[in-house]
Amino acid sequence: MKKLLLFGAVIWLLLPAIVWADAISIRLGYFIPRAKSDLWDIEFENMDFTHSNYQNSTLGFVYEKYLTSQLSVVVGLDGYSKNRAGFYKDYVGYTFEEGDFAFPAKYYQGAFGLSHVFGVSITPIQLGIKLVPLGHRASFSPYLGGGVGLYIWSVRLQGDMVDFSDPWVYEDPDLGDVDIYPIYPTNARDDNNFSLGYHAFVGLMYRVAQRMAIEVELRYSTLKGTLKEAFEGFEPFDLGGYHLAVGVNYRF
């Protein structure tokens, strides 16, 4: 609900841009996170979800103001969110007087599985310059550009967490000493953060009517956000990635 309210508030703030804009685009897209930081790595290493499970569809809007026949300012907004529940691939759980512990699944069946939900949401508000070499009115127009953005983002982890930093030793009558790890319930949230990032894009526009065009765009964004107390000790979280979008551009 908070994400919907935040997205709605941003849309409301951008509504005056309709008066300012010479064109507007509505796009359906697909976001592929780059996922190159240690929290991503640890999740993919230990859980049974993969990088592809965090690719997801998006809905976006772009406002465009023409500066010249070949140059314009663009303001864009997209919304990405993905929550995924997964099980630890290599560990199962047992309960003792001292608490719950993770045992290696290759030796033990376990009394219960270990799982948690890992969620990421990113809402970029991007400002850029767009160059259209053949002009905005051409029937077929390749374009390119880039700019900066304000990214609103959240990271959440809820469920079982294995503490690999605190190994215990279990004396197995058959296997000997086996390293086991305590399990703790966690509800770690780092919500509604703001970070600055950069992006570059290329695309094609094909005009189907005097005021309307179909557009296809590939955009790459790069930024990392600093995680707070809930994820203390992790390096800055990678929020960048690749975004492919198809949409309709309407010129006023």
C-alpha atoms as a PDB file:
ATOM      1  CA  MET A   1       0.000   0.000   0.000  1.00  0.00           C
ATOM      2  CA  LYS A   2       2.841   2.436   0.832  1.00  0.00           C
ATOM      3  CA  LYS A   3       4.374   1.828  -2.596  1.00  0.00           C
ATOM      4  CA  LEU A   4       1.065   2.580  -4.317  1.00  0.00           C
ATOM      5  CA  LEU A   5       0.592   5.757  -2.290  1.00  0.00           C
ATOM      6  CA  LEU A   6       4.139   6.893  -3.024  1.00  0.00           C
ATOM      7  CA  PHE A   7       3.788   6.158  -6.738  1.00  0.00           C
ATOM      8  CA  GLY A   8       0.438   8.004  -6.783  1.00  0.00           C
ATOM      9  CA  ALA A   9       1.942  11.012  -5.003  1.00  0.00           C
ATOM     10  CA  VAL A  10       4.763  11.233  -7.541  1.00  0.00           C
ATOM     11  CA  ILE A  11       2.260  11.001 -10.414  1.00  0.00           C
ATOM     12  CA  TRP A  12       0.233  13.814  -8.821  1.00  0.00           C
ATOM     13  CA  LEU A  13       3.325  16.013  -8.527  1.00  0.00           C
ATOM     14  CA  LEU A  14       4.167  15.424 -12.193  1.00  0.00           C
ATOM     15  CA  LEU A  15       0.685  16.233 -13.501  1.00  0.00           C
ATOM     16  CA  PRO A  16       1.567  19.930 -14.090  1.00  0.00           C
ATOM     17  CA  ALA A  17       4.210  18.724 -16.553  1.00  0.00           C
ATOM     18  CA  ILE A  18       1.383  17.846 -18.950  1.00  0.00           C
ATOM     19  CA  VAL A  19       0.808  21.587 -19.450  1.00  0.00           C
ATOM     20  CA  TRP A  20       4.548  22.161 -19.910  1.00  0.00           C
ATOM     21  CA  ALA A  21       5.136  19.213 -22.267  1.00  0.00           C
ATOM     22  CA  ASP A  22       5.021  19.171 -26.069  1.00  0.00           C
ATOM     23  CA  ALA A  23       4.640  15.376 -26.066  1.00  0.00           C
ATOM     24  CA  ILE A  24       3.893  12.554 -23.674  1.00  0.00           C
ATOM     25  CA  SER A  25       4.684   8.830 -23.821  1.00  0.00           C
ATOM     26  CA  ILE A  26       3.019   5.940 -22.022  1.00  0.00           C
ATOM     27  CA  ARG A  27       5.180   2.827 -21.904  1.00  0.00           C
ATOM     28  CA  LEU A  28       5.146  -0.795 -20.881  1.00  0.00           C
ATOM     29  CA  GLY A  29       8.603  -2.044 -20.035  1.00  0.00           C
ATOM     30  CA  TYR A  30      10.734  -4.816 -18.634  1.00  0.00           C
ATOM     31  CA  PHE A  31      13.466  -4.165 -16.073  1.00  0.00           C
ATOM     32  CA  ILE A  32      16.522  -6.398 -15.634  1.00  0.00           C
ATOM     33  CA  PRO A  33      18.465  -5.423 -12.490  1.00  0.00           C
ATOM     34  CA  ARG A  34      22.245  -5.466 -12.745  1.00  0.00           C
ATOM     35  CA  ALA A  35      22.440  -6.968  -9.238  1.00  0.00           C
ATOM     36  CA  LYS A  36      26.191  -6.487  -8.711  1.00  0.00           C
ATOM     37  CA  SER A  37      26.599  -5.973  -4.959  1.00  0.00           C
ATOM     38  CA  ASP A  38      27.139  -8.284  -2.014  1.00  0.00           C
ATOM     39  CA  LEU A  39      23.538  -8.472  -0.739  1.00  0.00           C
ATOM     40  CA  TRP A  40      22.363  -9.587  -4.182  1.00  0.00           C
ATOM     41  CA  ASP A  41      25.268 -12.070  -4.345  1.00  0.00           C
ATOM     42  CA  ILE A  42      24.510 -13.603  -0.947  1.00  0.00           C
ATOM     43  CA  GLU A  43      20.829 -14.019  -1.765  1.00  0.00           C
ATOM     44  CA  PHE A  44      21.500 -15.727  -5.100  1.00  0.00           C
ATOM     45  CA  GLU A  45      24.228 -17.902  -3.577  1.00  0.00           C
ATOM     46  CA  ASN A  46      22.117 -19.210  -0.694  1.00  0.00           C
ATOM     47  CA  MET A  47      18.496 -19.112  -1.871  1.00  0.00           C
ATOM     48  CA  ASP A  48      16.722 -21.104  -4.569  1.00  0.00           C
ATOM     49  CA  PHE A  49      15.660 -18.010  -6.529  1.00  0.00           C
ATOM     50  CA  THR A  50      17.853 -16.614  -9.306  1.00  0.00           C
ATOM     51  CA  HIS A  51      18.662 -13.329 -11.019  1.00  0.00           C
ATOM     52  CA  SER A  52      15.947 -13.945 -13.620  1.00  0.00           C
ATOM     53  CA  ASN A  53      13.317 -14.118 -10.852  1.00  0.00           C
ATOM     54  CA  TYR A  54      13.939 -10.413 -10.202  1.00  0.00           C
ATOM     55  CA  GLN A  55      13.242  -9.287 -13.732  1.00  0.00           C
ATOM     56  CA  ASN A  56       9.810  -7.705 -13.923  1.00  0.00           C
ATOM     57  CA  SER A  57       7.433  -5.594 -15.988  1.00  0.00           C
ATOM     58  CA  THR A  58       7.076  -1.839 -15.497  1.00  0.00           C
ATOM     59  CA  LEU A  59       4.689   0.974 -16.339  1.00  0.00           C
ATOM     60  CA  GLY A  60       6.121   4.368 -17.193  1.00  0.00           C
ATOM     61  CA  PHE A  61       5.367   7.908 -18.352  1.00  0.00           C
ATOM     62  CA  VAL A  62       7.646  10.351 -20.160  1.00  0.00           C
ATOM     63  CA  TYR A  63       7.044  14.070 -20.636  1.00  0.00           C
ATOM     64  CA  GLU A  64       8.959  15.760 -23.436  1.00  0.00           C
ATOM     65  CA  LYS A  65       9.656  19.447 -24.109  1.00  0.00           C
ATOM     66  CA  TYR A  66      11.085  20.366 -27.527  1.00  0.00           C
ATOM     67  CA  LEU A  67      14.057  22.732 -27.430  1.00  0.00           C
ATOM     68  CA  THR A  68      14.784  22.558 -31.164  1.00  0.00           C
ATOM     69  CA  SER A  69      13.625  20.341 -34.012  1.00  0.00           C
ATOM     70  CA  GLN A  70      16.263  17.785 -32.987  1.00  0.00           C
ATOM     71  CA  LEU A  71      16.720  18.310 -29.259  1.00  0.00           C
ATOM     72  CA  SER A  72      14.383  17.971 -26.294  1.00  0.00           C
ATOM     73  CA  VAL A  73      14.232  17.702 -22.514  1.00  0.00           C
ATOM     74  CA  VAL A  74      12.561  14.569 -21.151  1.00  0.00           C
ATOM     75  CA  VAL A  75      11.217  13.825 -17.676  1.00  0.00           C
ATOM     76  CA  GLY A  76      10.360  10.191 -17.015  1.00  0.00           C
ATOM     77  CA  LEU A  77       8.854   8.068 -14.272  1.00  0.00           C
ATOM     78  CA  ASP A  78       8.830   4.269 -13.994  1.00  0.00           C
ATOM     79  CA  GLY A  79       7.896   1.843 -11.259  1.00  0.00           C
ATOM     80  CA  TYR A  80       9.623  -1.481 -10.540  1.00  0.00           C
ATOM     81  CA  SER A  81       8.882  -3.846  -7.671  1.00  0.00           C
ATOM     82  CA  LYS A  82       9.624  -7.517  -7.059  1.00  0.00           C
ATOM     83  CA  ASN A  83       9.174  -9.701  -3.981  1.00  0.00           C
ATOM     84  CA  ARG A  84      10.273 -13.320  -4.077  1.00  0.00           C
ATOM     85  CA  ALA A  85       9.972 -16.067  -1.468  1.00  0.00           C
ATOM     86  CA  GLY A  86      12.709 -18.683  -1.499  1.00  0.00           C
ATOM     87  CA  PHE A  87      14.220 -21.558   0.456  1.00  0.00           C
ATOM     88  CA  TYR A  88      17.843 -21.973   1.484  1.00  0.00           C
ATOM     89  CA  LYS A  89      19.321 -24.370  -1.062  1.00  0.00           C
ATOM     90  CA  ASP A  90      21.908 -26.078   1.120  1.00  0.00           C
ATOM     91  CA  TYR A  91      20.472 -25.983   4.635  1.00  0.00           C
ATOM     92  CA  VAL A  92      17.561 -27.396   6.643  1.00  0.00           C
ATOM     93  CA  GLY A  93      16.419 -26.623  10.163  1.00  0.00           C
ATOM     94  CA  TYR A  94      16.274 -28.393  13.505  1.00  0.00           C
ATOM     95  CA  THR A  95      15.079 -27.083  16.873  1.00  0.00           C
ATOM     96  CA  PHE A  96      17.047 -27.555  20.118  1.00  0.00           C
ATOM     97  CA  GLU A  97      16.842 -26.048  23.589  1.00  0.00           C
ATOM     98  CA  GLU A  98      19.404 -23.464  22.504  1.00  0.00           C
ATOM     99  CA  GLY A  99      17.254 -22.435  19.539  1.00  0.00           C
ATOM    100  CA  ASP A 100      16.869 -23.228  15.841  1.00  0.00           C
ATOM    101  CA  PHE A 101      19.906 -24.284  13.831  1.00  0.00           C
ATOM    102  CA  ALA A 102      20.731 -24.759  10.156  1.00  0.00           C
ATOM    103  CA  PHE A 103      22.229 -28.136   9.200  1.00  0.00           C
ATOM    104  CA  PRO A 104      23.781 -29.003   5.822  1.00  0.00           C
ATOM    105  CA  ALA A 105      21.072 -30.480   3.600  1.00  0.00           C
ATOM    106  CA  LYS A 106      23.492 -32.905   1.957  1.00  0.00           C
ATOM    107  CA  TYR A 107      23.674 -34.854   5.241  1.00  0.00           C
ATOM    108  CA  TYR A 108      20.311 -34.145   6.913  1.00  0.00           C
ATOM    109  CA  GLN A 109      16.641 -34.105   5.932  1.00  0.00           C
ATOM    110  CA  GLY A 110      15.691 -31.480   8.504  1.00  0.00           C
ATOM    111  CA  ALA A 111      12.611 -30.917  10.636  1.00  0.00           C
ATOM    112  CA  PHE A 112      11.641 -27.825   8.635  1.00  0.00           C
ATOM    113  CA  GLY A 113      12.737 -25.806   5.633  1.00  0.00           C
ATOM    114  CA  LEU A 114      14.363 -22.383   5.880  1.00  0.00           C
ATOM    115  CA  SER A 115      12.810 -19.604   3.853  1.00  0.00           C
ATOM    116  CA  HIS A 116      12.501 -15.861   3.584  1.00  0.00           C
ATOM    117  CA  VAL A 117      11.160 -13.182   1.263  1.00  0.00           C
ATOM    118  CA  PHE A 118      13.588 -10.794  -0.431  1.00  0.00           C
ATOM    119  CA  GLY A 119      11.976  -7.719  -1.981  1.00  0.00           C
ATOM    120  CA  VAL A 120      13.253  -4.733  -3.961  1.00  0.00           C
ATOM    121  CA  SER A 121      11.373  -1.712  -5.315  1.00  0.00           C
ATOM    122  CA  ILE A 122      12.753   1.176  -7.390  1.00  0.00           C
ATOM    123  CA  THR A 123      10.898   4.278  -8.589  1.00  0.00           C
ATOM    124  CA  PRO A 124      13.130   6.529 -10.715  1.00  0.00           C
ATOM    125  CA  ILE A 125      12.272  10.125 -11.602  1.00  0.00           C
ATOM    126  CA  GLN A 126      14.640  10.880 -14.469  1.00  0.00           C
ATOM    127  CA  LEU A 127      15.650  14.086 -16.225  1.00  0.00           C
ATOM    128  CA  GLY A 128      17.493  13.831 -19.521  1.00  0.00           C
ATOM    129  CA  ILE A 129      18.429  15.327 -22.869  1.00  0.00           C
ATOM    130  CA  LYS A 130      17.176  13.570 -26.001  1.00  0.00           C
ATOM    131  CA  LEU A 131      18.809  13.981 -29.416  1.00  0.00           C
ATOM    132  CA  VAL A 132      16.781  13.089 -32.528  1.00  0.00           C
ATOM    133  CA  PRO A 133      19.148  13.519 -35.523  1.00  0.00           C
ATOM    134  CA  LEU A 134      16.381  13.241 -38.160  1.00  0.00           C
ATOM    135  CA  GLY A 135      14.024  15.544 -36.287  1.00  0.00           C
ATOM    136  CA  HIS A 136      10.882  15.036 -34.236  1.00  0.00           C
ATOM    137  CA  ARG A 137       8.578  15.104 -37.262  1.00  0.00           C
ATOM    138  CA  ALA A 138      10.360  12.420 -39.298  1.00  0.00           C
ATOM    139  CA  SER A 139       8.355   9.266 -39.954  1.00  0.00           C
ATOM    140  CA  PHE A 140      11.220   7.084 -38.704  1.00  0.00           C
ATOM    141  CA  SER A 141      13.443   8.599 -36.015  1.00  0.00           C
ATOM    142  CA  PRO A 142      16.291   6.960 -34.119  1.00  0.00           C
ATOM    143  CA  TYR A 143      17.296   8.859 -30.979  1.00  0.00           C
ATOM    144  CA  LEU A 144      19.712   8.757 -28.065  1.00  0.00           C
ATOM    145  CA  GLY A 145      20.336  10.613 -24.854  1.00  0.00           C
ATOM    146  CA  GLY A 146      21.123  10.513 -21.179  1.00  0.00           C
ATOM    147  CA  GLY A 147      20.756  12.294 -17.891  1.00  0.00           C
ATOM    148  CA  VAL A 148      20.377  12.089 -14.128  1.00  0.00           C
ATOM    149  CA  GLY A 149      17.671  10.762 -11.876  1.00  0.00           C
ATOM    150  CA  LEU A 150      16.290  10.734  -8.357  1.00  0.00           C
ATOM    151  CA  TYR A 151      15.616   7.126  -7.362  1.00  0.00           C
ATOM    152  CA  ILE A 152      13.185   6.217  -4.577  1.00  0.00           C
ATOM    153  CA  TRP A 153      13.929   2.686  -3.417  1.00  0.00           C
ATOM    154  CA  SER A 154      13.330   0.070  -0.747  1.00  0.00           C
ATOM    155  CA  VAL A 155      14.848  -3.292   0.228  1.00  0.00           C
ATOM    156  CA  ARG A 156      13.112  -5.850   2.480  1.00  0.00           C
ATOM    157  CA  LEU A 157      14.018  -9.245   3.918  1.00  0.00           C
ATOM    158  CA  GLN A 158      11.437 -11.129   6.004  1.00  0.00           C
ATOM    159  CA  GLY A 159      11.589 -14.679   7.373  1.00  0.00           C
ATOM    160  CA  ASP A 160      14.398 -17.034   8.396  1.00  0.00           C
ATOM    161  CA  MET A 161      17.948 -15.731   8.477  1.00  0.00           C
ATOM    162  CA  VAL A 162      20.943 -18.046   8.924  1.00  0.00           C
ATOM    163  CA  ASP A 163      23.801 -16.388  10.814  1.00  0.00           C
ATOM    164  CA  PHE A 164      26.890 -17.755   9.056  1.00  0.00           C
ATOM    165  CA  SER A 165      29.126 -15.509  11.171  1.00  0.00           C
ATOM    166  CA  ASP A 166      28.433 -17.595  14.309  1.00  0.00           C
ATOM    167  CA  PRO A 167      29.262 -21.262  13.589  1.00  0.00           C
ATOM    168  CA  TRP A 168      28.470 -23.952  16.168  1.00  0.00           C
ATOM    169  CA  VAL A 169      29.715 -27.537  16.164  1.00  0.00           C
ATOM    170  CA  TYR A 170      27.327 -30.491  16.284  1.00  0.00           C
ATOM    171  CA  GLU A 171      28.832 -33.828  17.306  1.00  0.00           C
ATOM    172  CA  ASP A 172      27.262 -36.348  14.954  1.00  0.00           C
ATOM    173  CA  PRO A 173      27.812 -39.990  15.956  1.00  0.00           C
ATOM    174  CA  ASP A 174      28.404 -40.975  12.317  1.00  0.00           C
ATOM    175  CA  LEU A 175      29.858 -37.852  10.685  1.00  0.00           C
ATOM    176  CA  GLY A 176      31.843 -36.423  13.559  1.00  0.00           C
ATOM    177  CA  ASP A 177      31.977 -32.647  14.026  1.00  0.00           C
ATOM    178  CA  VAL A 178      29.515 -30.818  11.754  1.00  0.00           C
ATOM    179  CA  ASP A 179      29.351 -27.032  11.453  1.00  0.00           C
ATOM    180  CA  ILE A 180      25.847 -25.707  12.092  1.00  0.00           C
ATOM    181  CA  TYR A 181      24.535 -22.135  12.261  1.00  0.00           C
ATOM    182  CA  PRO A 182      21.878 -20.377  14.353  1.00  0.00           C
ATOM    183  CA  ILE A 183      18.638 -19.302  12.690  1.00  0.00           C
ATOM    184  CA  TYR A 184      16.910 -16.057  13.607  1.00  0.00           C
ATOM    185  CA  PRO A 185      13.580 -14.590  12.490  1.00  0.00           C
ATOM    186  CA  THR A 186      14.132 -11.313  10.679  1.00  0.00           C
ATOM    187  CA  ASN A 187      12.024  -8.439   9.444  1.00  0.00           C
ATOM    188  CA  ALA A 188      14.686  -6.177   7.966  1.00  0.00           C
ATOM    189  CA  ARG A 189      13.344  -3.167   6.063  1.00  0.00           C
ATOM    190  CA  ASP A 190      15.098  -0.212   4.495  1.00  0.00           C
ATOM    191  CA  ASP A 191      12.234   1.788   3.014  1.00  0.00           C
ATOM    192  CA  ASN A 192      11.739   4.981   1.021  1.00  0.00           C
ATOM    193  CA  ASN A 193      15.369   5.883   0.426  1.00  0.00           C
ATOM    194  CA  PHE A 194      16.524   8.519  -2.077  1.00  0.00           C
ATOM    195  CA  SER A 195      19.637   8.224  -4.254  1.00  0.00           C
ATOM    196  CA  LEU A 196      21.006  10.014  -7.322  1.00  0.00           C
ATOM    197  CA  GLY A 197      21.906   8.024 -10.417  1.00  0.00           C
ATOM    198  CA  TYR A 198      22.691   8.330 -14.103  1.00  0.00           C
ATOM    199  CA  HIS A 199      21.212   6.820 -17.229  1.00  0.00           C
ATOM    200  CA  ALA A 200      21.731   6.595 -20.977  1.00  0.00           C
ATOM    201  CA  PHE A 201      19.250   5.497 -23.611  1.00  0.00           C
ATOM    202  CA  VAL A 202      18.775   4.744 -27.301  1.00  0.00           C
ATOM    203  CA  GLY A 203      15.527   4.236 -29.150  1.00  0.00           C
ATOM    204  CA  LEU A 204      13.444   4.319 -32.302  1.00  0.00           C
ATOM    205  CA  MET A 205      10.233   6.161 -33.068  1.00  0.00           C
ATOM    206  CA  TYR A 206       7.908   5.270 -35.935  1.00  0.00           C
ATOM    207  CA  ARG A 207       5.187   7.793 -36.665  1.00  0.00           C
ATOM    208  CA  VAL A 208       1.812   6.153 -37.355  1.00  0.00           C
ATOM    209  CA  ALA A 209      -0.171   9.414 -37.483  1.00  0.00           C
ATOM    210  CA  GLN A 210       0.518  13.133 -37.567  1.00  0.00           C
ATOM    211  CA  ARG A 211       0.624  13.358 -33.761  1.00  0.00           C
ATOM    212  CA  MET A 212       1.223   9.768 -32.725  1.00  0.00           C
ATOM    213  CA  ALA A 213       4.232   7.446 -32.864  1.00  0.00           C
ATOM    214  CA  ILE A 214       5.205   4.015 -31.625  1.00  0.00           C
ATOM    215  CA  GLU A 215       8.525   3.960 -29.780  1.00  0.00           C
ATOM    216  CA  VAL A 216      10.961   1.326 -28.582  1.00  0.00           C
ATOM    217  CA  GLU A 217      13.685   2.260 -26.102  1.00  0.00           C
ATOM    218  CA  LEU A 218      16.583   0.597 -24.288  1.00  0.00           C
ATOM    219  CA  ARG A 219      17.861   2.411 -21.214  1.00  0.00           C
ATOM    220  CA  TYR A 220      20.772   1.649 -18.909  1.00  0.00           C
ATOM    221  CA  SER A 221      20.912   3.128 -15.413  1.00  0.00           C
ATOM    222  CA  THR A 222      23.748   3.071 -12.917  1.00  0.00           C
ATOM    223  CA  LEU A 223      23.652   3.866  -9.197  1.00  0.00           C
ATOM    224  CA  LYS A 224      24.151   2.322  -5.771  1.00  0.00           C
ATOM    225  CA  GLY A 225      22.239   3.161  -2.612  1.00  0.00           C
ATOM    226  CA  THR A 226      23.621   3.147   0.929  1.00  0.00           C
ATOM    227  CA  LEU A 227      21.888   0.598   3.159  1.00  0.00           C
ATOM    228  CA  LYS A 228      20.997   1.645   6.701  1.00  0.00           C
ATOM    229  CA  GLU A 229      20.849  -0.121  10.089  1.00  0.00           C
ATOM    230  CA  ALA A 230      18.676  -3.068   9.029  1.00  0.00           C
ATOM    231  CA  PHE A 231      21.417  -4.154   6.595  1.00  0.00           C
ATOM    232  CA  GLU A 232      24.447  -2.884   8.472  1.00  0.00           C
ATOM    233  CA  GLY A 233      27.755  -4.196   7.148  1.00  0.00           C
ATOM    234  CA  PHE A 234      26.694  -4.581   3.520  1.00  0.00           C
ATOM    235  CA  GLU A 235      28.255  -2.541   0.736  1.00  0.00           C
ATOM    236  CA  PRO A 236      26.116  -0.032  -1.231  1.00  0.00           C
ATOM    237  CA  PHE A 237      23.207  -1.808  -2.906  1.00  0.00           C
ATOM    238  CA  ASP A 238      23.189  -1.998  -6.710  1.00  0.00           C
ATOM    239  CA  LEU A 239      19.993  -0.383  -8.055  1.00  0.00           C
ATOM    240  CA  GLY A 240      21.050  -0.077 -11.699  1.00  0.00           C
ATOM    241  CA  GLY A 241      20.059  -2.196 -14.643  1.00  0.00           C
ATOM    242  CA  TYR A 242      18.654  -2.471 -18.132  1.00  0.00           C
ATOM    243  CA  HIS A 243      15.175  -1.321 -19.076  1.00  0.00           C
ATOM    244  CA  LEU A 244      13.454  -2.184 -22.356  1.00  0.00           C
ATOM    245  CA  ALA A 245      10.214  -0.331 -23.067  1.00  0.00           C
ATOM    246  CA  VAL A 246       7.605  -0.104 -25.814  1.00  0.00           C
ATOM    247  CA  GLY A 247       5.126   2.734 -25.845  1.00  0.00           C
ATOM    248  CA  VAL A 248       2.969   5.296 -27.571  1.00  0.00           C
ATOM    249  CA  ASN A 249       4.190   8.868 -28.002  1.00  0.00           C
ATOM    250  CA  TYR A 250       1.570  11.588 -28.500  1.00  0.00           C
ATOM    251  CA  ARG A 251       2.572  15.061 -29.670  1.00  0.00           C
ATOM    252  CA  PHE A 252       0.310  17.943 -28.605  1.00  0.00           C
END
